């Protein structure tokens, strides 16, 4: 049960941080005079596109996958407790 709850928390955190990274990258891509310099200094990426692809989307995808696994774990636990009753 601990790992299921922990998985939900980490999945939520990954999705939120991934969305924040994508949003920040878009902000610098369209709102900055020199988006590549802003990406290098603030996002620690070579370009805003790299920050979106490697940082944001991977974090979102990882969060979704971890959330699905935590959901599966929760459903397995519920079925086992129903079968034991």
PDB file of N, CA and C in Angstrom:
ATOM      1  N   UNK A   1       0.818  -1.186   0.000  1.00  0.00           N
ATOM      2  CA  UNK A   1       0.000   0.000   0.000  1.00  0.00           C
ATOM      3  C   UNK A   1       0.867   1.258   0.000  1.00  0.00           C
ATOM      4  N   UNK A   2       1.977   1.208   0.704  1.00  0.00           N
ATOM      5  CA  UNK A   2       2.877   2.355   0.765  1.00  0.00           C
ATOM      6  C   UNK A   2       3.402   2.706  -0.625  1.00  0.00           C
ATOM      7  N   UNK A   3       3.825   1.695  -1.371  1.00  0.00           N
ATOM      8  CA  UNK A   3       4.405   1.960  -2.683  1.00  0.00           C
ATOM      9  C   UNK A   3       3.355   2.443  -3.687  1.00  0.00           C
ATOM     10  N   UNK A   4       2.125   2.012  -3.513  1.00  0.00           N
ATOM     11  CA  UNK A   4       1.053   2.487  -4.383  1.00  0.00           C
ATOM     12  C   UNK A   4       0.807   3.970  -4.142  1.00  0.00           C
ATOM     13  N   UNK A   5       0.691   4.364  -2.902  1.00  0.00           N
ATOM     14  CA  UNK A   5       0.512   5.788  -2.583  1.00  0.00           C
ATOM     15  C   UNK A   5       1.718   6.605  -3.018  1.00  0.00           C
ATOM     16  N   UNK A   6       2.889   6.083  -2.748  1.00  0.00           N
ATOM     17  CA  UNK A   6       4.119   6.759  -3.142  1.00  0.00           C
ATOM     18  C   UNK A   6       4.178   6.906  -4.666  1.00  0.00           C
ATOM     19  N   UNK A   7       3.753   5.877  -5.382  1.00  0.00           N
ATOM     20  CA  UNK A   7       3.714   5.924  -6.842  1.00  0.00           C
ATOM     21  C   UNK A   7       2.774   6.994  -7.356  1.00  0.00           C
ATOM     22  N   UNK A   8       1.607   7.135  -6.718  1.00  0.00           N
ATOM     23  CA  UNK A   8       0.667   8.181  -7.115  1.00  0.00           C
ATOM     24  C   UNK A   8       1.256   9.572  -6.885  1.00  0.00           C
ATOM     25  N   UNK A   9       1.926   9.758  -5.746  1.00  0.00           N
ATOM     26  CA  UNK A   9       2.535  11.057  -5.454  1.00  0.00           C
ATOM     27  C   UNK A   9       3.640  11.390  -6.443  1.00  0.00           C
ATOM     28  N   UNK A  10       4.504  10.433  -6.704  1.00  0.00           N
ATOM     29  CA  UNK A  10       5.610  10.677  -7.634  1.00  0.00           C
ATOM     30  C   UNK A  10       5.085  10.904  -9.049  1.00  0.00           C
ATOM     31  N   UNK A  11       4.074  10.140  -9.454  1.00  0.00           N
ATOM     32  CA  UNK A  11       3.483  10.322 -10.782  1.00  0.00           C
ATOM     33  C   UNK A  11       2.886  11.715 -10.918  1.00  0.00           C
ATOM     34  N   UNK A  12       2.176  12.154  -9.911  1.00  0.00           N
ATOM     35  CA  UNK A  12       1.591  13.499  -9.947  1.00  0.00           C
ATOM     36  C   UNK A  12       2.669  14.563 -10.011  1.00  0.00           C
ATOM     37  N   UNK A  13       3.707  14.386  -9.230  1.00  0.00           N
ATOM     38  CA  UNK A  13       4.814  15.336  -9.229  1.00  0.00           C
ATOM     39  C   UNK A  13       5.509  15.390 -10.590  1.00  0.00           C
ATOM     40  N   UNK A  14       5.730  14.236 -11.197  1.00  0.00           N
ATOM     41  CA  UNK A  14       6.359  14.203 -12.517  1.00  0.00           C
ATOM     42  C   UNK A  14       5.506  14.907 -13.568  1.00  0.00           C
ATOM     43  N   UNK A  15       4.219  14.681 -13.545  1.00  0.00           N
ATOM     44  CA  UNK A  15       3.342  15.329 -14.523  1.00  0.00           C
ATOM     45  C   UNK A  15       3.340  16.841 -14.316  1.00  0.00           C
ATOM     46  N   UNK A  16       3.240  17.288 -13.074  1.00  0.00           N
ATOM     47  CA  UNK A  16       3.220  18.725 -12.800  1.00  0.00           C
ATOM     48  C   UNK A  16       4.537  19.369 -13.213  1.00  0.00           C
ATOM     49  N   UNK A  17       5.655  18.758 -12.859  1.00  0.00           N
ATOM     50  CA  UNK A  17       6.952  19.322 -13.233  1.00  0.00           C
ATOM     51  C   UNK A  17       7.173  19.287 -14.740  1.00  0.00           C
ATOM     52  N   UNK A  18       6.695  18.245 -15.394  1.00  0.00           N
ATOM     53  CA  UNK A  18       6.807  18.166 -16.847  1.00  0.00           C
ATOM     54  C   UNK A  18       6.003  19.252 -17.536  1.00  0.00           C
ATOM     55  N   UNK A  19       4.782  19.475 -17.071  1.00  0.00           N
ATOM     56  CA  UNK A  19       3.949  20.541 -17.645  1.00  0.00           C
ATOM     57  C   UNK A  19       4.581  21.901 -17.385  1.00  0.00           C
ATOM     58  N   UNK A  20       5.136  22.089 -16.206  1.00  0.00           N
ATOM     59  CA  UNK A  20       5.823  23.344 -15.890  1.00  0.00           C
ATOM     60  C   UNK A  20       7.018  23.564 -16.813  1.00  0.00           C
ATOM     61  N   UNK A  21       7.768  22.508 -17.075  1.00  0.00           N
ATOM     62  CA  UNK A  21       8.936  22.618 -17.966  1.00  0.00           C
ATOM     63  C   UNK A  21       8.510  22.946 -19.393  1.00  0.00           C
ATOM     64  N   UNK A  22       7.465  22.289 -19.886  1.00  0.00           N
ATOM     65  CA  UNK A  22       6.973  22.562 -21.238  1.00  0.00           C
ATOM     66  C   UNK A  22       6.447  23.996 -21.332  1.00  0.00           C
ATOM     67  N   UNK A  23       5.704  24.419 -20.322  1.00  0.00           N
ATOM     68  CA  UNK A  23       5.156  25.778 -20.310  1.00  0.00           C
ATOM     69  C   UNK A  23       6.270  26.819 -20.269  1.00  0.00           C
ATOM     70  N   UNK A  24       7.261  26.597 -19.432  1.00  0.00           N
ATOM     71  CA  UNK A  24       8.396  27.519 -19.345  1.00  0.00           C
ATOM     72  C   UNK A  24       9.164  27.558 -20.654  1.00  0.00           C
ATOM     73  N   UNK A  25       9.349  26.417 -21.277  1.00  0.00           N
ATOM     74  CA  UNK A  25      10.057  26.362 -22.552  1.00  0.00           C
ATOM     75  C   UNK A  25       9.305  27.125 -23.633  1.00  0.00           C
ATOM     76  N   UNK A  26       7.988  26.956 -23.670  1.00  0.00           N
ATOM     77  CA  UNK A  26       7.195  27.714 -24.641  1.00  0.00           C
ATOM     78  C   UNK A  26       7.261  29.211 -24.359  1.00  0.00           C
ATOM     79  N   UNK A  27       7.251  29.569 -23.099  1.00  0.00           N
ATOM     80  CA  UNK A  27       7.352  30.979 -22.728  1.00  0.00           C
ATOM     81  C   UNK A  27       8.653  31.583 -23.244  1.00  0.00           C
ATOM     82  N   UNK A  28       9.757  30.876 -23.047  1.00  0.00           N
ATOM     83  CA  UNK A  28      11.042  31.392 -23.526  1.00  0.00           C
ATOM     84  C   UNK A  28      11.166  31.324 -25.039  1.00  0.00           C
ATOM     85  N   UNK A  29      10.553  30.343 -25.664  1.00  0.00           N
ATOM     86  CA  UNK A  29      10.641  30.209 -27.121  1.00  0.00           C
ATOM     87  C   UNK A  29       9.929  31.359 -27.823  1.00  0.00           C
ATOM     88  N   UNK A  30       8.792  31.768 -27.277  1.00  0.00           N
ATOM     89  CA  UNK A  30       7.998  32.782 -27.968  1.00  0.00           C
ATOM     90  C   UNK A  30       8.089  34.166 -27.333  1.00  0.00           C
ATOM     91  N   UNK A  31       8.621  34.263 -26.127  1.00  0.00           N
ATOM     92  CA  UNK A  31       8.628  35.552 -25.447  1.00  0.00           C
ATOM     93  C   UNK A  31       9.994  36.133 -25.188  1.00  0.00           C
ATOM     94  N   UNK A  32      11.032  35.460 -25.588  1.00  0.00           N
ATOM     95  CA  UNK A  32      12.385  35.921 -25.307  1.00  0.00           C
ATOM     96  C   UNK A  32      13.045  36.426 -26.574  1.00  0.00           C
ATOM     97  N   UNK A  33      13.930  37.402 -26.412  1.00  0.00           N
ATOM     98  CA  UNK A  33      14.675  37.912 -27.563  1.00  0.00           C
ATOM     99  C   UNK A  33      15.665  36.883 -28.080  1.00  0.00           C
ATOM    100  N   UNK A  34      16.311  36.172 -27.184  1.00  0.00           N
ATOM    101  CA  UNK A  34      17.267  35.131 -27.558  1.00  0.00           C
ATOM    102  C   UNK A  34      16.875  33.836 -26.831  1.00  0.00           C
ATOM    103  N   UNK A  35      15.986  33.034 -27.446  1.00  0.00           N
ATOM    104  CA  UNK A  35      15.492  31.849 -26.742  1.00  0.00           C
ATOM    105  C   UNK A  35      16.563  30.795 -26.469  1.00  0.00           C
ATOM    106  N   UNK A  36      17.561  30.683 -27.332  1.00  0.00           N
ATOM    107  CA  UNK A  36      18.594  29.671 -27.091  1.00  0.00           C
ATOM    108  C   UNK A  36      19.464  30.034 -25.892  1.00  0.00           C
ATOM    109  N   UNK A  37      19.768  31.301 -25.733  1.00  0.00           N
ATOM    110  CA  UNK A  37      20.539  31.709 -24.565  1.00  0.00           C
ATOM    111  C   UNK A  37      19.716  31.525 -23.291  1.00  0.00           C
ATOM    112  N   UNK A  38      18.446  31.863 -23.355  1.00  0.00           N
ATOM    113  CA  UNK A  38      17.576  31.673 -22.194  1.00  0.00           C
ATOM    114  C   UNK A  38      17.472  30.188 -21.850  1.00  0.00           C
ATOM    115  N   UNK A  39      17.383  29.345 -22.870  1.00  0.00           N
ATOM    116  CA  UNK A  39      17.307  27.901 -22.632  1.00  0.00           C
ATOM    117  C   UNK A  39      18.586  27.375 -21.994  1.00  0.00           C
ATOM    118  N   UNK A  40      19.719  27.860 -22.469  1.00  0.00           N
ATOM    119  CA  UNK A  40      20.994  27.393 -21.893  1.00  0.00           C
ATOM    120  C   UNK A  40      21.140  27.812 -20.443  1.00  0.00           C
ATOM    121  N   UNK A  41      20.773  29.041 -20.123  1.00  0.00           N
ATOM    122  CA  UNK A  41      21.013  29.549 -18.771  1.00  0.00           C
ATOM    123  C   UNK A  41      19.935  29.139 -17.776  1.00  0.00           C
ATOM    124  N   UNK A  42      18.692  29.111 -18.197  1.00  0.00           N
ATOM    125  CA  UNK A  42      17.612  28.861 -17.249  1.00  0.00           C
ATOM    126  C   UNK A  42      17.142  27.409 -17.276  1.00  0.00           C
ATOM    127  N   UNK A  43      17.023  26.842 -18.472  1.00  0.00           N
ATOM    128  CA  UNK A  43      16.484  25.489 -18.599  1.00  0.00           C
ATOM    129  C   UNK A  43      17.558  24.407 -18.665  1.00  0.00           C
ATOM    130  N   UNK A  44      18.811  24.798 -18.742  1.00  0.00           N
ATOM    131  CA  UNK A  44      19.940  23.856 -18.837  1.00  0.00           C
ATOM    132  C   UNK A  44      19.788  22.917 -20.027  1.00  0.00           C
ATOM    133  N   UNK A  45      19.410  23.484 -21.172  1.00  0.00           N
ATOM    134  CA  UNK A  45      19.261  22.717 -22.411  1.00  0.00           C
ATOM    135  C   UNK A  45      19.852  23.552 -23.550  1.00  0.00           C
ATOM    136  N   UNK A  46      20.186  22.888 -24.637  1.00  0.00           N
ATOM    137  CA  UNK A  46      20.781  23.594 -25.769  1.00  0.00           C
ATOM    138  C   UNK A  46      19.775  24.510 -26.455  1.00  0.00           C
ATOM    139  N   UNK A  47      18.519  24.123 -26.456  1.00  0.00           N
ATOM    140  CA  UNK A  47      17.476  24.950 -27.069  1.00  0.00           C
ATOM    141  C   UNK A  47      16.163  24.705 -26.333  1.00  0.00           C
ATOM    142  N   UNK A  48      15.174  25.536 -26.632  1.00  0.00           N
ATOM    143  CA  UNK A  48      13.875  25.340 -25.994  1.00  0.00           C
ATOM    144  C   UNK A  48      13.214  24.060 -26.479  1.00  0.00           C
ATOM    145  N   UNK A  49      13.445  23.707 -27.729  1.00  0.00           N
ATOM    146  CA  UNK A  49      12.894  22.450 -28.248  1.00  0.00           C
ATOM    147  C   UNK A  49      13.460  21.242 -27.529  1.00  0.00           C
ATOM    148  N   UNK A  50      14.747  21.289 -27.247  1.00  0.00           N
ATOM    149  CA  UNK A  50      15.366  20.189 -26.508  1.00  0.00           C
ATOM    150  C   UNK A  50      14.810  20.121 -25.090  1.00  0.00           C
ATOM    151  N   UNK A  51      14.569  21.259 -24.475  1.00  0.00           N
ATOM    152  CA  UNK A  51      14.003  21.273 -23.121  1.00  0.00           C
ATOM    153  C   UNK A  51      12.598  20.671 -23.122  1.00  0.00           C
ATOM    154  N   UNK A  52      11.833  20.952 -24.179  1.00  0.00           N
ATOM    155  CA  UNK A  52      10.482  20.395 -24.276  1.00  0.00           C
ATOM    156  C   UNK A  52      10.556  18.887 -24.492  1.00  0.00           C
ATOM    157  N   UNK A  53      11.364  18.461 -25.459  1.00  0.00           N
ATOM    158  CA  UNK A  53      11.433  17.038 -25.805  1.00  0.00           C
ATOM    159  C   UNK A  53      12.047  16.198 -24.700  1.00  0.00           C
ATOM    160  N   UNK A  54      13.215  16.603 -24.233  1.00  0.00           N
ATOM    161  CA  UNK A  54      13.955  15.757 -23.293  1.00  0.00           C
ATOM    162  C   UNK A  54      13.509  15.938 -21.851  1.00  0.00           C
ATOM    163  N   UNK A  55      13.137  17.133 -21.486  1.00  0.00           N
ATOM    164  CA  UNK A  55      12.760  17.353 -20.097  1.00  0.00           C
ATOM    165  C   UNK A  55      11.291  17.202 -19.842  1.00  0.00           C
ATOM    166  N   UNK A  56      10.512  18.003 -20.522  1.00  0.00           N
ATOM    167  CA  UNK A  56       9.085  18.061 -20.233  1.00  0.00           C
ATOM    168  C   UNK A  56       8.304  16.843 -20.651  1.00  0.00           C
ATOM    169  N   UNK A  57       8.429  16.463 -21.907  1.00  0.00           N
ATOM    170  CA  UNK A  57       7.613  15.353 -22.403  1.00  0.00           C
ATOM    171  C   UNK A  57       8.012  14.024 -21.772  1.00  0.00           C
ATOM    172  N   UNK A  58       9.289  13.832 -21.516  1.00  0.00           N
ATOM    173  CA  UNK A  58       9.714  12.590 -20.847  1.00  0.00           C
ATOM    174  C   UNK A  58       9.198  12.529 -19.419  1.00  0.00           C
ATOM    175  N   UNK A  59       9.183  13.656 -18.734  1.00  0.00           N
ATOM    176  CA  UNK A  59       8.660  13.670 -17.364  1.00  0.00           C
ATOM    177  C   UNK A  59       7.160  13.389 -17.370  1.00  0.00           C
ATOM    178  N   UNK A  60       6.441  13.995 -18.308  1.00  0.00           N
ATOM    179  CA  UNK A  60       5.001  13.745 -18.400  1.00  0.00           C
ATOM    180  C   UNK A  60       4.736  12.283 -18.721  1.00  0.00           C
ATOM    181  N   UNK A  61       5.455  11.747 -19.699  1.00  0.00           N
ATOM    182  CA  UNK A  61       5.281  10.346 -20.074  1.00  0.00           C
ATOM    183  C   UNK A  61       5.630   9.418 -18.906  1.00  0.00           C
ATOM    184  N   UNK A  62       6.713   9.698 -18.209  1.00  0.00           N
ATOM    185  CA  UNK A  62       7.091   8.892 -17.052  1.00  0.00           C
ATOM    186  C   UNK A  62       6.049   8.952 -15.944  1.00  0.00           C
ATOM    187  N   UNK A  63       5.473  10.129 -15.731  1.00  0.00           N
ATOM    188  CA  UNK A  63       4.426  10.273 -14.732  1.00  0.00           C
ATOM    189  C   UNK A  63       3.169   9.502 -15.089  1.00  0.00           C
ATOM    190  N   UNK A  64       2.808   9.527 -16.371  1.00  0.00           N
ATOM    191  CA  UNK A  64       1.625   8.787 -16.810  1.00  0.00           C
ATOM    192  C   UNK A  64       1.850   7.283 -16.649  1.00  0.00           C
ATOM    193  N   UNK A  65       3.014   6.816 -17.050  1.00  0.00           N
ATOM    194  CA  UNK A  65       3.317   5.380 -16.928  1.00  0.00           C
ATOM    195  C   UNK A  65       3.322   4.954 -15.460  1.00  0.00           C
ATOM    196  N   UNK A  66       3.952   5.743 -14.613  1.00  0.00           N
ATOM    197  CA  UNK A  66       3.983   5.413 -13.185  1.00  0.00           C
ATOM    198  C   UNK A  66       2.585   5.463 -12.582  1.00  0.00           C
ATOM    199  N   UNK A  67       1.768   6.414 -13.004  1.00  0.00           N
ATOM    200  CA  UNK A  67       0.384   6.492 -12.533  1.00  0.00           C
ATOM    201  C   UNK A  67      -0.428   5.272 -12.940  1.00  0.00           C
ATOM    202  N   UNK A  68      -0.226   4.806 -14.177  1.00  0.00           N
ATOM    203  CA  UNK A  68      -0.922   3.604 -14.638  1.00  0.00           C
ATOM    204  C   UNK A  68      -0.489   2.393 -13.813  1.00  0.00           C
ATOM    205  N   UNK A  69       0.800   2.267 -13.554  1.00  0.00           N
ATOM    206  CA  UNK A  69       1.282   1.142 -12.742  1.00  0.00           C
ATOM    207  C   UNK A  69       0.745   1.202 -11.311  1.00  0.00           C
ATOM    208  N   UNK A  70       0.666   2.386 -10.744  1.00  0.00           N
ATOM    209  CA  UNK A  70       0.111   2.524  -9.396  1.00  0.00           C
ATOM    210  C   UNK A  70      -1.381   2.182  -9.385  1.00  0.00           C
ATOM    211  N   UNK A  71      -2.075   2.565 -10.441  1.00  0.00           N
ATOM    212  CA  UNK A  71      -3.505   2.230 -10.552  1.00  0.00           C
ATOM    213  C   UNK A  71      -3.698   0.715 -10.664  1.00  0.00           C
ATOM    214  N   UNK A  72      -2.865   0.062 -11.435  1.00  0.00           N
ATOM    215  CA  UNK A  72      -2.926  -1.398 -11.552  1.00  0.00           C
ATOM    216  C   UNK A  72      -2.658  -2.046 -10.199  1.00  0.00           C
ATOM    217  N   UNK A  73      -1.662  -1.541  -9.498  1.00  0.00           N
ATOM    218  CA  UNK A  73      -1.341  -2.072  -8.175  1.00  0.00           C
ATOM    219  C   UNK A  73      -2.514  -1.916  -7.215  1.00  0.00           C
ATOM    220  N   UNK A  74      -3.174  -0.783  -7.257  1.00  0.00           N
ATOM    221  CA  UNK A  74      -4.325  -0.551  -6.387  1.00  0.00           C
ATOM    222  C   UNK A  74      -5.476  -1.499  -6.722  1.00  0.00           C
ATOM    223  N   UNK A  75      -5.728  -1.721  -8.003  1.00  0.00           N
ATOM    224  CA  UNK A  75      -6.809  -2.624  -8.404  1.00  0.00           C
ATOM    225  C   UNK A  75      -6.501  -4.075  -8.024  1.00  0.00           C
ATOM    226  N   UNK A  76      -5.261  -4.500  -8.158  1.00  0.00           N
ATOM    227  CA  UNK A  76      -4.878  -5.856  -7.757  1.00  0.00           C
ATOM    228  C   UNK A  76      -5.091  -6.033  -6.259  1.00  0.00           C
ATOM    229  N   UNK A  77      -4.710  -5.042  -5.483  1.00  0.00           N
ATOM    230  CA  UNK A  77      -4.878  -5.130  -4.030  1.00  0.00           C
ATOM    231  C   UNK A  77      -6.358  -5.202  -3.648  1.00  0.00           C
ATOM    232  N   UNK A  78      -7.199  -4.416  -4.330  1.00  0.00           N
ATOM    233  CA  UNK A  78      -8.640  -4.448  -4.034  1.00  0.00           C
ATOM    234  C   UNK A  78      -9.231  -5.807  -4.372  1.00  0.00           C
ATOM    235  N   UNK A  79      -8.841  -6.387  -5.512  1.00  0.00           N
ATOM    236  CA  UNK A  79      -9.377  -7.689  -5.878  1.00  0.00           C
ATOM    237  C   UNK A  79      -8.920  -8.780  -4.917  1.00  0.00           C
ATOM    238  N   UNK A  80      -7.693  -8.708  -4.458  1.00  0.00           N
ATOM    239  CA  UNK A  80      -7.224  -9.708  -3.497  1.00  0.00           C
ATOM    240  C   UNK A  80      -7.977  -9.609  -2.184  1.00  0.00           C
ATOM    241  N   UNK A  81      -8.240  -8.370  -1.745  1.00  0.00           N
ATOM    242  CA  UNK A  81      -8.973  -8.224  -0.481  1.00  0.00           C
ATOM    243  C   UNK A  81     -10.433  -8.662  -0.633  1.00  0.00           C
ATOM    244  N   UNK A  82     -11.019  -8.485  -1.824  1.00  0.00           N
ATOM    245  CA  UNK A  82     -12.390  -8.951  -2.053  1.00  0.00           C
ATOM    246  C   UNK A  82     -12.453 -10.467  -2.098  1.00  0.00           C
ATOM    247  N   UNK A  83     -11.456 -11.109  -2.666  1.00  0.00           N
ATOM    248  CA  UNK A  83     -11.433 -12.571  -2.758  1.00  0.00           C
ATOM    249  C   UNK A  83     -11.198 -13.223  -1.405  1.00  0.00           C
ATOM    250  N   UNK A  84     -10.477 -12.562  -0.528  1.00  0.00           N
ATOM    251  CA  UNK A  84     -10.201 -13.117   0.797  1.00  0.00           C
ATOM    252  C   UNK A  84     -11.413 -13.000   1.713  1.00  0.00           C
ATOM    253  N   UNK A  85     -12.304 -12.076   1.445  1.00  0.00           N
ATOM    254  CA  UNK A  85     -13.484 -11.870   2.300  1.00  0.00           C
ATOM    255  C   UNK A  85     -14.548 -12.890   2.077  1.00  0.00           C
TER     256      UNK A  85
END
